[in-house]
Each structure stands twice: as structure tokens, then as C-alpha cells.
PDB file of N, CA and C in Angstrom:
ATOM      1  N   MET A   1     -34.489 -21.848  -2.071  1.00  0.00           N
ATOM      2  CA  MET A   1     -33.279 -21.323  -1.465  1.00  0.00           C
ATOM      3  C   MET A   1     -32.471 -20.542  -2.489  1.00  0.00           C
ATOM      4  N   SER A   2     -31.927 -19.436  -2.084  1.00  0.00           N
ATOM      5  CA  SER A   2     -31.077 -18.679  -2.989  1.00  0.00           C
ATOM      6  C   SER A   2     -29.666 -19.265  -2.961  1.00  0.00           C
ATOM      7  N   ASP A   3     -28.833 -18.821  -3.887  1.00  0.00           N
ATOM      8  CA  ASP A   3     -27.461 -19.315  -3.940  1.00  0.00           C
ATOM      9  C   ASP A   3     -26.670 -18.965  -2.693  1.00  0.00           C
ATOM     10  N   LEU A   4     -26.998 -17.846  -2.042  1.00  0.00           N
ATOM     11  CA  LEU A   4     -26.266 -17.428  -0.851  1.00  0.00           C
ATOM     12  C   LEU A   4     -26.605 -18.275   0.373  1.00  0.00           C
ATOM     13  N   GLU A   5     -27.745 -18.939   0.374  1.00  0.00           N
ATOM     14  CA  GLU A   5     -28.159 -19.715   1.527  1.00  0.00           C
ATOM     15  C   GLU A   5     -27.779 -21.190   1.425  1.00  0.00           C
ATOM     16  N   GLN A   6     -27.304 -21.627   0.291  1.00  0.00           N
ATOM     17  CA  GLN A   6     -26.973 -23.038   0.119  1.00  0.00           C
ATOM     18  C   GLN A   6     -25.636 -23.353   0.785  1.00  0.00           C
ATOM     19  N   PRO A   7     -25.497 -24.576   1.336  1.00  0.00           N
ATOM     20  CA  PRO A   7     -24.229 -24.957   1.971  1.00  0.00           C
ATOM     21  C   PRO A   7     -23.138 -25.172   0.916  1.00  0.00           C
ATOM     22  N   PRO A   8     -21.889 -25.130   1.337  1.00  0.00           N
ATOM     23  CA  PRO A   8     -20.803 -25.402   0.392  1.00  0.00           C
ATOM     24  C   PRO A   8     -20.891 -26.849  -0.085  1.00  0.00           C
ATOM     25  N   PRO A   9     -20.452 -27.137  -1.298  1.00  0.00           N
ATOM     26  CA  PRO A   9     -20.643 -28.472  -1.864  1.00  0.00           C
ATOM     27  C   PRO A   9     -19.797 -29.561  -1.211  1.00  0.00           C
ATOM     28  N   VAL A  10     -18.663 -29.252  -0.619  1.00  0.00           N
ATOM     29  CA  VAL A  10     -17.747 -30.287  -0.145  1.00  0.00           C
ATOM     30  C   VAL A  10     -17.980 -30.637   1.324  1.00  0.00           C
ATOM     31  N   PHE A  11     -18.074 -29.653   2.204  1.00  0.00           N
ATOM     32  CA  PHE A  11     -18.068 -29.913   3.644  1.00  0.00           C
ATOM     33  C   PHE A  11     -19.459 -29.986   4.270  1.00  0.00           C
ATOM     34  N   GLY A  12     -20.479 -29.582   3.566  1.00  0.00           N
ATOM     35  CA  GLY A  12     -21.828 -29.702   4.087  1.00  0.00           C
ATOM     36  C   GLY A  12     -22.312 -28.502   4.882  1.00  0.00           C
ATOM     37  N   SER A  13     -21.404 -27.746   5.479  1.00  0.00           N
ATOM     38  CA  SER A  13     -21.789 -26.529   6.188  1.00  0.00           C
ATOM     39  C   SER A  13     -20.612 -25.561   6.168  1.00  0.00           C
ATOM     40  N   TRP A  14     -20.935 -24.295   6.279  1.00  0.00           N
ATOM     41  CA  TRP A  14     -19.876 -23.280   6.263  1.00  0.00           C
ATOM     42  C   TRP A  14     -19.017 -23.388   7.514  1.00  0.00           C
ATOM     43  N   ARG A  15     -19.619 -23.807   8.633  1.00  0.00           N
ATOM     44  CA  ARG A  15     -18.838 -23.939   9.872  1.00  0.00           C
ATOM     45  C   ARG A  15     -17.719 -24.963   9.686  1.00  0.00           C
ATOM     46  N   ARG A  16     -18.046 -26.109   9.083  1.00  0.00           N
ATOM     47  CA  ARG A  16     -17.022 -27.131   8.821  1.00  0.00           C
ATOM     48  C   ARG A  16     -15.973 -26.636   7.837  1.00  0.00           C
ATOM     49  N   ALA A  17     -16.389 -25.891   6.831  1.00  0.00           N
ATOM     50  CA  ALA A  17     -15.432 -25.372   5.848  1.00  0.00           C
ATOM     51  C   ALA A  17     -14.447 -24.418   6.516  1.00  0.00           C
ATOM     52  N   TYR A  18     -14.965 -23.505   7.357  1.00  0.00           N
ATOM     53  CA  TYR A  18     -14.080 -22.574   8.065  1.00  0.00           C
ATOM     54  C   TYR A  18     -13.191 -23.314   9.052  1.00  0.00           C
ATOM     55  N   LEU A  19     -13.701 -24.369   9.702  1.00  0.00           N
ATOM     56  CA  LEU A  19     -12.901 -25.148  10.627  1.00  0.00           C
ATOM     57  C   LEU A  19     -11.739 -25.829   9.906  1.00  0.00           C
ATOM     58  N   VAL A  20     -11.997 -26.382   8.739  1.00  0.00           N
ATOM     59  CA  VAL A  20     -10.928 -27.025   7.959  1.00  0.00           C
ATOM     60  C   VAL A  20      -9.861 -26.004   7.562  1.00  0.00           C
ATOM     61  N   VAL A  21     -10.291 -24.825   7.149  1.00  0.00           N
ATOM     62  CA  VAL A  21      -9.330 -23.779   6.770  1.00  0.00           C
ATOM     63  C   VAL A  21      -8.509 -23.350   7.978  1.00  0.00           C
ATOM     64  N   ALA A  22      -9.157 -23.163   9.133  1.00  0.00           N
ATOM     65  CA  ALA A  22      -8.443 -22.748  10.343  1.00  0.00           C
ATOM     66  C   ALA A  22      -7.459 -23.824  10.807  1.00  0.00           C
ATOM     67  N   LEU A  23      -7.874 -25.081  10.760  1.00  0.00           N
ATOM     68  CA  LEU A  23      -6.971 -26.165  11.147  1.00  0.00           C
ATOM     69  C   LEU A  23      -5.791 -26.282  10.193  1.00  0.00           C
ATOM     70  N   ASN A  24      -6.053 -26.102   8.909  1.00  0.00           N
ATOM     71  CA  ASN A  24      -4.973 -26.130   7.929  1.00  0.00           C
ATOM     72  C   ASN A  24      -3.965 -25.015   8.213  1.00  0.00           C
ATOM     73  N   LEU A  25      -4.459 -23.835   8.530  1.00  0.00           N
ATOM     74  CA  LEU A  25      -3.570 -22.724   8.855  1.00  0.00           C
ATOM     75  C   LEU A  25      -2.758 -23.024  10.110  1.00  0.00           C
ATOM     76  N   ALA A  26      -3.400 -23.568  11.142  1.00  0.00           N
ATOM     77  CA  ALA A  26      -2.701 -23.886  12.390  1.00  0.00           C
ATOM     78  C   ALA A  26      -1.614 -24.932  12.160  1.00  0.00           C
ATOM     79  N   VAL A  27      -1.906 -25.960  11.376  1.00  0.00           N
ATOM     80  CA  VAL A  27      -0.919 -27.002  11.092  1.00  0.00           C
ATOM     81  C   VAL A  27       0.245 -26.431  10.277  1.00  0.00           C
ATOM     82  N   THR A  28      -0.051 -25.577   9.321  1.00  0.00           N
ATOM     83  CA  THR A  28       1.002 -24.956   8.508  1.00  0.00           C
ATOM     84  C   THR A  28       1.922 -24.096   9.371  1.00  0.00           C
ATOM     85  N   ILE A  29       1.338 -23.310  10.272  1.00  0.00           N
ATOM     86  CA  ILE A  29       2.137 -22.467  11.162  1.00  0.00           C
ATOM     87  C   ILE A  29       2.982 -23.330  12.096  1.00  0.00           C
ATOM     88  N   ALA A  30       2.383 -24.396  12.656  1.00  0.00           N
ATOM     89  CA  ALA A  30       3.121 -25.272  13.567  1.00  0.00           C
ATOM     90  C   ALA A  30       4.277 -25.961  12.845  1.00  0.00           C
ATOM     91  N   LEU A  31       4.044 -26.438  11.635  1.00  0.00           N
ATOM     92  CA  LEU A  31       5.127 -27.080  10.876  1.00  0.00           C
ATOM     93  C   LEU A  31       6.233 -26.083  10.546  1.00  0.00           C
ATOM     94  N   GLY A  32       5.861 -24.880  10.173  1.00  0.00           N
ATOM     95  CA  GLY A  32       6.872 -23.854   9.920  1.00  0.00           C
ATOM     96  C   GLY A  32       7.698 -23.544  11.151  1.00  0.00           C
ATOM     97  N   TYR A  33       7.026 -23.460  12.291  1.00  0.00           N
ATOM     98  CA  TYR A  33       7.733 -23.210  13.551  1.00  0.00           C
ATOM     99  C   TYR A  33       8.689 -24.354  13.878  1.00  0.00           C
ATOM    100  N   LEU A  34       8.189 -25.589  13.766  1.00  0.00           N
ATOM    101  CA  LEU A  34       9.030 -26.739  14.096  1.00  0.00           C
ATOM    102  C   LEU A  34      10.225 -26.869  13.152  1.00  0.00           C
ATOM    103  N   LEU A  35       9.991 -26.647  11.864  1.00  0.00           N
ATOM    104  CA  LEU A  35      11.104 -26.718  10.925  1.00  0.00           C
ATOM    105  C   LEU A  35      12.130 -25.616  11.183  1.00  0.00           C
ATOM    106  N   THR A  36      11.655 -24.449  11.567  1.00  0.00           N
ATOM    107  CA  THR A  36      12.569 -23.352  11.884  1.00  0.00           C
ATOM    108  C   THR A  36      13.402 -23.687  13.121  1.00  0.00           C
ATOM    109  N   ARG A  37      12.754 -24.257  14.147  1.00  0.00           N
ATOM    110  CA  ARG A  37      13.478 -24.620  15.365  1.00  0.00           C
ATOM    111  C   ARG A  37      14.470 -25.741  15.077  1.00  0.00           C
ATOM    112  N   TRP A  38      14.101 -26.673  14.215  1.00  0.00           N
ATOM    113  CA  TRP A  38      14.938 -27.825  13.939  1.00  0.00           C
ATOM    114  C   TRP A  38      16.191 -27.448  13.142  1.00  0.00           C
ATOM    115  N   TYR A  39      16.033 -26.611  12.107  1.00  0.00           N
ATOM    116  CA  TYR A  39      17.138 -26.317  11.207  1.00  0.00           C
ATOM    117  C   TYR A  39      17.858 -25.019  11.505  1.00  0.00           C
ATOM    118  N   ALA A  40      17.368 -24.200  12.409  1.00  0.00           N
ATOM    119  CA  ALA A  40      18.020 -22.914  12.675  1.00  0.00           C
ATOM    120  C   ALA A  40      18.961 -23.011  13.844  1.00  0.00           C
TER     121      ALA A  40
END
């Protein structure tokens, strides 16, 4: 296997890695929205 075909070391697959990044982004946006609504 070449280096480009190997899975990422932490999540086991690129799909899981992208899912974690997308969920992190969604949670960050939701928290920003909620904090803005709460304090504004």
C-alpha cells in the first residue's frame, strides 16, 4: 500500500475523520449561535 492509500492513524477511516470534523464544526456553530442568542 502506498502512503496515500493508508487510513488515518486515529479514526481508522477517512470517512470517520471527516465526520468528526463536520460534527465539530456543527457543534461550534450551534454553540456560537446559542451564546449569541443568550447574551445579545
